[in-house]
Amino acid sequence: RAACPDDLRFAWVEGLRSGDRYRTAAAATWFRAGR
């Protein structure tokens, strides 16, 4: 389990209509425009 928010090491957010996507990789944040 994650004891605190900082324990979360990876995140992925994807718009279910737009297809816009955010993700973490290599200690950075990446955005892909669905269009």
PDB file of all heavy atoms in Angstrom:
ATOM      1  N   ARG A   1       0.846  -1.194   0.000  1.00  0.00           N
ATOM      2  CA  ARG A   1       0.000   0.000   0.000  1.00  0.00           C
ATOM      3  C   ARG A   1       0.879   1.241   0.000  1.00  0.00           C
ATOM      4  O   ARG A   1       2.075   1.179   0.341  1.00  0.00           O
ATOM      5  CB  ARG A   1      -0.920   0.032   1.223  1.00  0.00           C
ATOM      6  CG  ARG A   1      -0.216   0.264   2.546  1.00  0.00           C
ATOM      7  CD  ARG A   1      -1.190   0.285   3.712  1.00  0.00           C
ATOM      8  NE  ARG A   1      -0.520   0.600   4.974  1.00  0.00           N
ATOM      9  CZ  ARG A   1      -0.389   1.819   5.469  1.00  0.00           C
ATOM     10  NH1 ARG A   1      -0.876   2.858   4.795  1.00  0.00           N
ATOM     11  NH2 ARG A   1       0.230   2.027   6.613  1.00  0.00           N
ATOM     12  N   ALA A   2       0.290   2.360  -0.383  1.00  0.00           N
ATOM     13  CA  ALA A   2       0.970   3.647  -0.291  1.00  0.00           C
ATOM     14  C   ALA A   2       0.613   4.280   1.042  1.00  0.00           C
ATOM     15  O   ALA A   2      -0.564   4.458   1.348  1.00  0.00           O
ATOM     16  CB  ALA A   2       0.543   4.555  -1.435  1.00  0.00           C
ATOM     17  N   ALA A   3       1.612   4.610   1.836  1.00  0.00           N
ATOM     18  CA  ALA A   3       1.360   5.209   3.144  1.00  0.00           C
ATOM     19  C   ALA A   3       1.073   6.703   3.045  1.00  0.00           C
ATOM     20  O   ALA A   3       0.434   7.278   3.920  1.00  0.00           O
ATOM     21  CB  ALA A   3       2.545   4.967   4.067  1.00  0.00           C
ATOM     22  N   CYS A   4       1.548   7.345   1.981  1.00  0.00           N
ATOM     23  CA  CYS A   4       1.346   8.777   1.788  1.00  0.00           C
ATOM     24  C   CYS A   4       1.297   9.056   0.289  1.00  0.00           C
ATOM     25  O   CYS A   4       1.738   8.224  -0.518  1.00  0.00           O
ATOM     26  CB  CYS A   4       2.464   9.589   2.448  1.00  0.00           C
ATOM     27  SG  CYS A   4       4.099   9.318   1.716  1.00  0.00           S
ATOM     28  N   PRO A   5       0.790  10.198  -0.138  1.00  0.00           N
ATOM     29  CA  PRO A   5       0.741  10.485  -1.574  1.00  0.00           C
ATOM     30  C   PRO A   5       2.088  10.408  -2.271  1.00  0.00           C
ATOM     31  O   PRO A   5       2.169  10.018  -3.442  1.00  0.00           O
ATOM     32  CB  PRO A   5       0.153  11.905  -1.625  1.00  0.00           C
ATOM     33  CG  PRO A   5      -0.698  11.990  -0.404  1.00  0.00           C
ATOM     34  CD  PRO A   5       0.061  11.227   0.651  1.00  0.00           C
ATOM     35  N   ASP A   6       3.168  10.779  -1.570  1.00  0.00           N
ATOM     36  CA  ASP A   6       4.487  10.723  -2.200  1.00  0.00           C
ATOM     37  C   ASP A   6       4.964   9.297  -2.476  1.00  0.00           C
ATOM     38  O   ASP A   6       5.930   9.100  -3.220  1.00  0.00           O
ATOM     39  CB  ASP A   6       5.516  11.457  -1.343  1.00  0.00           C
ATOM     40  CG  ASP A   6       5.734  12.892  -1.799  1.00  0.00           C
ATOM     41  OD1 ASP A   6       5.272  13.253  -2.894  1.00  0.00           O
ATOM     42  OD2 ASP A   6       6.382  13.655  -1.049  1.00  0.00           O
ATOM     43  N   ASP A   7       4.329   8.304  -1.855  1.00  0.00           N
ATOM     44  CA  ASP A   7       4.663   6.910  -2.176  1.00  0.00           C
ATOM     45  C   ASP A   7       4.186   6.521  -3.566  1.00  0.00           C
ATOM     46  O   ASP A   7       4.668   5.524  -4.130  1.00  0.00           O
ATOM     47  CB  ASP A   7       4.052   5.957  -1.154  1.00  0.00           C
ATOM     48  CG  ASP A   7       4.828   5.910   0.148  1.00  0.00           C
ATOM     49  OD1 ASP A   7       5.946   6.463   0.201  1.00  0.00           O
ATOM     50  OD2 ASP A   7       4.315   5.328   1.122  1.00  0.00           O
ATOM     51  N   LEU A   8       3.222   7.245  -4.126  1.00  0.00           N
ATOM     52  CA  LEU A   8       2.747   6.971  -5.481  1.00  0.00           C
ATOM     53  C   LEU A   8       3.846   7.370  -6.457  1.00  0.00           C
ATOM     54  O   LEU A   8       4.254   8.529  -6.521  1.00  0.00           O
ATOM     55  CB  LEU A   8       1.467   7.748  -5.766  1.00  0.00           C
ATOM     56  CG  LEU A   8       0.283   7.452  -4.830  1.00  0.00           C
ATOM     57  CD1 LEU A   8      -0.863   8.424  -5.102  1.00  0.00           C
ATOM     58  CD2 LEU A   8      -0.187   6.009  -4.985  1.00  0.00           C
ATOM     59  N   ARG A   9       4.342   6.401  -7.214  1.00  0.00           N
ATOM     60  CA  ARG A   9       5.496   6.649  -8.080  1.00  0.00           C
ATOM     61  C   ARG A   9       5.145   6.749  -9.553  1.00  0.00           C
ATOM     62  O   ARG A   9       5.987   7.118 -10.375  1.00  0.00           O
ATOM     63  CB  ARG A   9       6.548   5.535  -7.890  1.00  0.00           C
ATOM     64  CG  ARG A   9       6.971   5.273  -6.468  1.00  0.00           C
ATOM     65  CD  ARG A   9       7.343   6.540  -5.723  1.00  0.00           C
ATOM     66  NE  ARG A   9       8.406   7.315  -6.376  1.00  0.00           N
ATOM     67  CZ  ARG A   9       8.788   8.531  -6.011  1.00  0.00           C
ATOM     68  NH1 ARG A   9       8.156   9.140  -5.027  1.00  0.00           N
ATOM     69  NH2 ARG A   9       9.747   9.143  -6.643  1.00  0.00           N
ATOM     70  N   PHE A  10       3.932   6.395  -9.907  1.00  0.00           N
ATOM     71  CA  PHE A  10       3.509   6.395 -11.319  1.00  0.00           C
ATOM     72  C   PHE A  10       2.058   6.835 -11.374  1.00  0.00           C
ATOM     73  O   PHE A  10       1.263   6.487 -10.496  1.00  0.00           O
ATOM     74  CB  PHE A  10       3.647   4.992 -11.908  1.00  0.00           C
ATOM     75  CG  PHE A  10       3.068   4.845 -13.298  1.00  0.00           C
ATOM     76  CD1 PHE A  10       3.833   5.121 -14.419  1.00  0.00           C
ATOM     77  CD2 PHE A  10       1.747   4.422 -13.488  1.00  0.00           C
ATOM     78  CE1 PHE A  10       3.301   4.989 -15.696  1.00  0.00           C
ATOM     79  CE2 PHE A  10       1.208   4.282 -14.759  1.00  0.00           C
ATOM     80  CZ  PHE A  10       1.988   4.570 -15.864  1.00  0.00           C
ATOM     81  N   ALA A  11       1.704   7.605 -12.386  1.00  0.00           N
ATOM     82  CA  ALA A  11       0.307   7.984 -12.585  1.00  0.00           C
ATOM     83  C   ALA A  11      -0.013   8.027 -14.072  1.00  0.00           C
ATOM     84  O   ALA A  11       0.854   8.331 -14.907  1.00  0.00           O
ATOM     85  CB  ALA A  11       0.006   9.336 -11.944  1.00  0.00           C
ATOM     86  N   TRP A  12      -1.260   7.726 -14.373  1.00  0.00           N
ATOM     87  CA  TRP A  12      -1.782   7.746 -15.750  1.00  0.00           C
ATOM     88  C   TRP A  12      -3.188   8.310 -15.678  1.00  0.00           C
ATOM     89  O   TRP A  12      -4.028   7.825 -14.928  1.00  0.00           O
ATOM     90  CB  TRP A  12      -1.802   6.331 -16.289  1.00  0.00           C
ATOM     91  CG  TRP A  12      -2.340   6.130 -17.679  1.00  0.00           C
ATOM     92  CD1 TRP A  12      -3.641   6.231 -18.097  1.00  0.00           C
ATOM     93  CD2 TRP A  12      -1.599   5.740 -18.836  1.00  0.00           C
ATOM     94  NE1 TRP A  12      -3.755   5.936 -19.421  1.00  0.00           N
ATOM     95  CE2 TRP A  12      -2.508   5.631 -19.908  1.00  0.00           C
ATOM     96  CE3 TRP A  12      -0.253   5.473 -19.059  1.00  0.00           C
ATOM     97  CZ2 TRP A  12      -2.113   5.259 -21.193  1.00  0.00           C
ATOM     98  CZ3 TRP A  12       0.142   5.105 -20.338  1.00  0.00           C
ATOM     99  CH2 TRP A  12      -0.779   4.994 -21.395  1.00  0.00           C
ATOM    100  N   VAL A  13      -3.465   9.343 -16.452  1.00  0.00           N
ATOM    101  CA  VAL A  13      -4.802   9.929 -16.567  1.00  0.00           C
ATOM    102  C   VAL A  13      -5.147   9.986 -18.046  1.00  0.00           C
ATOM    103  O   VAL A  13      -4.365  10.501 -18.849  1.00  0.00           O
ATOM    104  CB  VAL A  13      -4.857  11.341 -15.960  1.00  0.00           C
ATOM    105  CG1 VAL A  13      -6.214  12.006 -16.236  1.00  0.00           C
ATOM    106  CG2 VAL A  13      -4.590  11.300 -14.459  1.00  0.00           C
ATOM    107  N   GLU A  14      -6.321   9.468 -18.395  1.00  0.00           N
ATOM    108  CA  GLU A  14      -6.719   9.435 -19.801  1.00  0.00           C
ATOM    109  C   GLU A  14      -8.177   9.865 -19.940  1.00  0.00           C
ATOM    110  O   GLU A  14      -9.067   9.300 -19.301  1.00  0.00           O
ATOM    111  CB  GLU A  14      -6.537   8.029 -20.368  1.00  0.00           C
ATOM    112  CG  GLU A  14      -6.847   7.942 -21.855  1.00  0.00           C
ATOM    113  CD  GLU A  14      -6.418   6.617 -22.457  1.00  0.00           C
ATOM    114  OE1 GLU A  14      -5.490   5.974 -21.911  1.00  0.00           O
ATOM    115  OE2 GLU A  14      -7.007   6.222 -23.479  1.00  0.00           O
ATOM    116  N   GLY A  15      -8.408  10.876 -20.752  1.00  0.00           N
ATOM    117  CA  GLY A  15      -9.767  11.331 -21.010  1.00  0.00           C
ATOM    118  C   GLY A  15     -10.545  10.275 -21.770  1.00  0.00           C
ATOM    119  O   GLY A  15     -10.131   9.840 -22.849  1.00  0.00           O
ATOM    120  N   LEU A  16     -11.662   9.862 -21.236  1.00  0.00           N
ATOM    121  CA  LEU A  16     -12.420   8.765 -21.847  1.00  0.00           C
ATOM    122  C   LEU A  16     -13.162   9.201 -23.093  1.00  0.00           C
ATOM    123  O   LEU A  16     -13.590   8.347 -23.883  1.00  0.00           O
ATOM    124  CB  LEU A  16     -13.387   8.168 -20.817  1.00  0.00           C
ATOM    125  CG  LEU A  16     -12.703   7.405 -19.688  1.00  0.00           C
ATOM    126  CD1 LEU A  16     -13.684   7.093 -18.559  1.00  0.00           C
ATOM    127  CD2 LEU A  16     -12.073   6.116 -20.204  1.00  0.00           C
ATOM    128  N   ARG A  17     -13.324  10.490 -23.298  1.00  0.00           N
ATOM    129  CA  ARG A  17     -13.898  10.975 -24.549  1.00  0.00           C
ATOM    130  C   ARG A  17     -12.831  11.570 -25.472  1.00  0.00           C
ATOM    131  O   ARG A  17     -12.799  11.288 -26.659  1.00  0.00           O
ATOM    132  CB  ARG A  17     -14.981  12.027 -24.271  1.00  0.00           C
ATOM    133  CG  ARG A  17     -16.253  11.459 -23.681  1.00  0.00           C
ATOM    134  CD  ARG A  17     -17.458  12.340 -23.978  1.00  0.00           C
ATOM    135  NE  ARG A  17     -18.635  11.738 -23.386  1.00  0.00           N
ATOM    136  CZ  ARG A  17     -19.079  11.990 -22.157  1.00  0.00           C
ATOM    137  NH1 ARG A  17     -18.436  12.853 -21.399  1.00  0.00           N
ATOM    138  NH2 ARG A  17     -20.148  11.400 -21.702  1.00  0.00           N
ATOM    139  N   SER A  18     -11.977  12.412 -24.907  1.00  0.00           N
ATOM    140  CA  SER A  18     -11.002  13.125 -25.732  1.00  0.00           C
ATOM    141  C   SER A  18      -9.832  12.261 -26.166  1.00  0.00           C
ATOM    142  O   SER A  18      -9.215  12.507 -27.201  1.00  0.00           O
ATOM    143  CB  SER A  18     -10.464  14.338 -24.968  1.00  0.00           C
ATOM    144  OG  SER A  18      -9.666  13.900 -23.867  1.00  0.00           O
ATOM    145  N   GLY A  19      -9.474  11.267 -25.326  1.00  0.00           N
ATOM    146  CA  GLY A  19      -8.243  10.515 -25.562  1.00  0.00           C
ATOM    147  C   GLY A  19      -7.001  11.245 -25.115  1.00  0.00           C
ATOM    148  O   GLY A  19      -5.888  10.722 -25.248  1.00  0.00           O
ATOM    149  N   ASP A  20      -7.134  12.467 -24.571  1.00  0.00           N
ATOM    150  CA  ASP A  20      -5.973  13.163 -24.000  1.00  0.00           C
ATOM    151  C   ASP A  20      -5.382  12.301 -22.885  1.00  0.00           C
ATOM    152  O   ASP A  20      -6.119  11.714 -22.102  1.00  0.00           O
ATOM    153  CB  ASP A  20      -6.380  14.512 -23.422  1.00  0.00           C
ATOM    154  CG  ASP A  20      -6.724  15.534 -24.487  1.00  0.00           C
ATOM    155  OD1 ASP A  20      -6.514  15.259 -25.682  1.00  0.00           O
ATOM    156  OD2 ASP A  20      -7.230  16.622 -24.118  1.00  0.00           O
ATOM    157  N   ARG A  21      -4.065  12.237 -22.813  1.00  0.00           N
ATOM    158  CA  ARG A  21      -3.424  11.343 -21.854  1.00  0.00           C
ATOM    159  C   ARG A  21      -2.250  12.022 -21.176  1.00  0.00           C
ATOM    160  O   ARG A  21      -1.444  12.697 -21.805  1.00  0.00           O
ATOM    161  CB  ARG A  21      -2.913  10.095 -22.583  1.00  0.00           C
ATOM    162  CG  ARG A  21      -2.329   9.041 -21.653  1.00  0.00           C
ATOM    163  CD  ARG A  21      -1.724   7.913 -22.462  1.00  0.00           C
ATOM    164  NE  ARG A  21      -0.473   8.333 -23.094  1.00  0.00           N
ATOM    165  CZ  ARG A  21       0.115   7.668 -24.088  1.00  0.00           C
ATOM    166  NH1 ARG A  21      -0.447   6.582 -24.595  1.00  0.00           N
ATOM    167  NH2 ARG A  21       1.264   8.108 -24.590  1.00  0.00           N
ATOM    168  N   TYR A  22      -2.175  11.820 -19.871  1.00  0.00           N
ATOM    169  CA  TYR A  22      -1.039  12.255 -19.060  1.00  0.00           C
ATOM    170  C   TYR A  22      -0.414  11.022 -18.429  1.00  0.00           C
ATOM    171  O   TYR A  22      -1.114  10.109 -17.993  1.00  0.00           O
ATOM    172  CB  TYR A  22      -1.499  13.198 -17.938  1.00  0.00           C
ATOM    173  CG  TYR A  22      -2.188  14.454 -18.401  1.00  0.00           C
ATOM    174  CD1 TYR A  22      -3.562  14.465 -18.640  1.00  0.00           C
ATOM    175  CD2 TYR A  22      -1.478  15.635 -18.583  1.00  0.00           C
ATOM    176  CE1 TYR A  22      -4.211  15.631 -19.045  1.00  0.00           C
ATOM    177  CE2 TYR A  22      -2.117  16.801 -18.987  1.00  0.00           C
ATOM    178  CZ  TYR A  22      -3.483  16.787 -19.215  1.00  0.00           C
ATOM    179  OH  TYR A  22      -4.121  17.938 -19.617  1.00  0.00           O
ATOM    180  N   ARG A  23       0.909  11.002 -18.340  1.00  0.00           N
ATOM    181  CA  ARG A  23       1.589   9.888 -17.678  1.00  0.00           C
ATOM    182  C   ARG A  23       2.924  10.370 -17.133  1.00  0.00           C
ATOM    183  O   ARG A  23       3.478  11.391 -17.576  1.00  0.00           O
ATOM    184  CB  ARG A  23       1.817   8.721 -18.643  1.00  0.00           C
ATOM    185  CG  ARG A  23       2.803   9.029 -19.762  1.00  0.00           C
ATOM    186  CD  ARG A  23       2.916   7.872 -20.737  1.00  0.00           C
ATOM    187  NE  ARG A  23       3.818   8.200 -21.848  1.00  0.00           N
ATOM    188  CZ  ARG A  23       5.088   7.814 -21.929  1.00  0.00           C
ATOM    189  NH1 ARG A  23       5.612   7.088 -20.945  1.00  0.00           N
ATOM    190  NH2 ARG A  23       5.836   8.143 -22.958  1.00  0.00           N
ATOM    191  N   THR A  24       3.419   9.627 -16.155  1.00  0.00           N
ATOM    192  CA  THR A  24       4.779   9.875 -15.683  1.00  0.00           C
ATOM    193  C   THR A  24       5.700   8.832 -16.297  1.00  0.00           C
ATOM    194  O   THR A  24       5.325   7.681 -16.494  1.00  0.00           O
ATOM    195  CB  THR A  24       4.865   9.796 -14.150  1.00  0.00           C
ATOM    196  OG1 THR A  24       4.312   8.556 -13.703  1.00  0.00           O
ATOM    197  CG2 THR A  24       4.107  10.942 -13.505  1.00  0.00           C
ATOM    198  N   ALA A  25       6.905   9.247 -16.589  1.00  0.00           N
ATOM    199  CA  ALA A  25       7.941   8.348 -17.095  1.00  0.00           C
ATOM    200  C   ALA A  25       9.284   9.033 -16.932  1.00  0.00           C
ATOM    201  O   ALA A  25       9.413  10.233 -17.223  1.00  0.00           O
ATOM    202  CB  ALA A  25       7.713   7.991 -18.573  1.00  0.00           C
ATOM    203  N   ALA A  26      10.278   8.282 -16.454  1.00  0.00           N
ATOM    204  CA  ALA A  26      11.631   8.809 -16.291  1.00  0.00           C
ATOM    205  C   ALA A  26      11.622  10.097 -15.469  1.00  0.00           C
ATOM    206  O   ALA A  26      12.280  11.091 -15.814  1.00  0.00           O
ATOM    207  CB  ALA A  26      12.280   9.045 -17.657  1.00  0.00           C
ATOM    208  N   ALA A  27      10.862  10.088 -14.361  1.00  0.00           N
ATOM    209  CA  ALA A  27      10.802  11.214 -13.423  1.00  0.00           C
ATOM    210  C   ALA A  27      10.330  12.502 -14.093  1.00  0.00           C
ATOM    211  O   ALA A  27      10.701  13.609 -13.675  1.00  0.00           O
ATOM    212  CB  ALA A  27      12.156  11.434 -12.761  1.00  0.00           C
ATOM    213  N   ALA A  28       9.501  12.372 -15.132  1.00  0.00           N
ATOM    214  CA  ALA A  28       8.956  13.526 -15.836  1.00  0.00           C
ATOM    215  C   ALA A  28       7.482  13.271 -16.135  1.00  0.00           C
ATOM    216  O   ALA A  28       6.992  12.150 -16.007  1.00  0.00           O
ATOM    217  CB  ALA A  28       9.733  13.789 -17.127  1.00  0.00           C
ATOM    218  N   THR A  29       6.792  14.319 -16.541  1.00  0.00           N
ATOM    219  CA  THR A  29       5.389  14.221 -16.901  1.00  0.00           C
ATOM    220  C   THR A  29       5.246  14.460 -18.393  1.00  0.00           C
ATOM    221  O   THR A  29       5.840  15.390 -18.952  1.00  0.00           O
ATOM    222  CB  THR A  29       4.555  15.258 -16.126  1.00  0.00           C
ATOM    223  OG1 THR A  29       4.722  15.032 -14.728  1.00  0.00           O
ATOM    224  CG2 THR A  29       3.084  15.148 -16.478  1.00  0.00           C
ATOM    225  N   TRP A  30       4.412  13.626 -19.025  1.00  0.00           N
ATOM    226  CA  TRP A  30       4.224  13.672 -20.472  1.00  0.00           C
ATOM    227  C   TRP A  30       2.743  13.798 -20.793  1.00  0.00           C
ATOM    228  O   TRP A  30       1.903  13.170 -20.160  1.00  0.00           O
ATOM    229  CB  TRP A  30       4.792  12.403 -21.121  1.00  0.00           C
ATOM    230  CG  TRP A  30       6.251  12.220 -20.840  1.00  0.00           C
ATOM    231  CD1 TRP A  30       6.817  11.695 -19.717  1.00  0.00           C
ATOM    232  CD2 TRP A  30       7.336  12.596 -21.691  1.00  0.00           C
ATOM    233  NE1 TRP A  30       8.185  11.720 -19.798  1.00  0.00           N
ATOM    234  CE2 TRP A  30       8.533  12.259 -21.001  1.00  0.00           C
ATOM    235  CE3 TRP A  30       7.416  13.176 -22.953  1.00  0.00           C
ATOM    236  CZ2 TRP A  30       9.791  12.498 -21.554  1.00  0.00           C
ATOM    237  CZ3 TRP A  30       8.663  13.406 -23.505  1.00  0.00           C
ATOM    238  CH2 TRP A  30       9.833  13.070 -22.807  1.00  0.00           C
ATOM    239  N   PHE A  31       2.449  14.613 -21.797  1.00  0.00           N
ATOM    240  CA  PHE A  31       1.073  14.826 -22.232  1.00  0.00           C
ATOM    241  C   PHE A  31       0.955  14.469 -23.710  1.00  0.00           C
ATOM    242  O   PHE A  31       1.753  14.928 -24.535  1.00  0.00           O
ATOM    243  CB  PHE A  31       0.662  16.288 -22.026  1.00  0.00           C
ATOM    244  CG  PHE A  31      -0.641  16.656 -22.690  1.00  0.00           C
ATOM    245  CD1 PHE A  31      -1.844  16.113 -22.242  1.00  0.00           C
ATOM    246  CD2 PHE A  31      -0.667  17.536 -23.760  1.00  0.00           C
ATOM    247  CE1 PHE A  31      -3.042  16.441 -22.854  1.00  0.00           C
ATOM    248  CE2 PHE A  31      -1.864  17.881 -24.377  1.00  0.00           C
ATOM    249  CZ  PHE A  31      -3.053  17.330 -23.913  1.00  0.00           C
ATOM    250  N   ARG A  32      -0.051  13.650 -24.020  1.00  0.00           N
ATOM    251  CA  ARG A  32      -0.351  13.333 -25.422  1.00  0.00           C
ATOM    252  C   ARG A  32      -1.751  13.829 -25.744  1.00  0.00           C
ATOM    253  O   ARG A  32      -2.721  13.415 -25.110  1.00  0.00           O
ATOM    254  CB  ARG A  32      -0.293  11.831 -25.674  1.00  0.00           C
ATOM    255  CG  ARG A  32      -0.401  11.472 -27.157  1.00  0.00           C
ATOM    256  CD  ARG A  32      -0.729  10.017 -27.369  1.00  0.00           C
ATOM    257  NE  ARG A  32      -2.111   9.735 -26.960  1.00  0.00           N
ATOM    258  CZ  ARG A  32      -2.688   8.547 -27.064  1.00  0.00           C
ATOM    259  NH1 ARG A  32      -2.018   7.525 -27.515  1.00  0.00           N
ATOM    260  NH2 ARG A  32      -3.946   8.375 -26.673  1.00  0.00           N
ATOM    261  N   ALA A  33      -1.850  14.714 -26.724  1.00  0.00           N
ATOM    262  CA  ALA A  33      -3.146  15.222 -27.145  1.00  0.00           C
ATOM    263  C   ALA A  33      -3.864  14.144 -27.946  1.00  0.00           C
ATOM    264  O   ALA A  33      -3.306  13.580 -28.897  1.00  0.00           O
ATOM    265  CB  ALA A  33      -2.974  16.479 -27.985  1.00  0.00           C
ATOM    266  N   GLY A  34      -5.101  13.849 -27.544  1.00  0.00           N
ATOM    267  CA  GLY A  34      -5.849  12.806 -28.227  1.00  0.00           C
ATOM    268  C   GLY A  34      -6.101  13.112 -29.687  1.00  0.00           C
ATOM    269  O   GLY A  34      -6.117  12.213 -30.529  1.00  0.00           O
ATOM    270  N   ARG A  35      -6.282  14.375 -30.024  1.00  0.00           N
ATOM    271  CA  ARG A  35      -6.609  14.734 -31.407  1.00  0.00           C
ATOM    272  C   ARG A  35      -5.427  14.523 -32.341  1.00  0.00           C
ATOM    273  O   ARG A  35      -5.581  13.984 -33.435  1.00  0.00           O
ATOM    274  CB  ARG A  35      -7.068  16.196 -31.462  1.00  0.00           C
ATOM    275  CG  ARG A  35      -7.421  16.671 -32.866  1.00  0.00           C
ATOM    276  CD  ARG A  35      -8.015  18.067 -32.841  1.00  0.00           C
ATOM    277  NE  ARG A  35      -9.277  18.092 -32.100  1.00  0.00           N
ATOM    278  CZ  ARG A  35      -9.996  19.199 -31.919  1.00  0.00           C
ATOM    279  NH1 ARG A  35      -9.573  20.360 -32.411  1.00  0.00           N
ATOM    280  NH2 ARG A  35     -11.124  19.151 -31.237  1.00  0.00           N
TER     281      ARG A  35
END
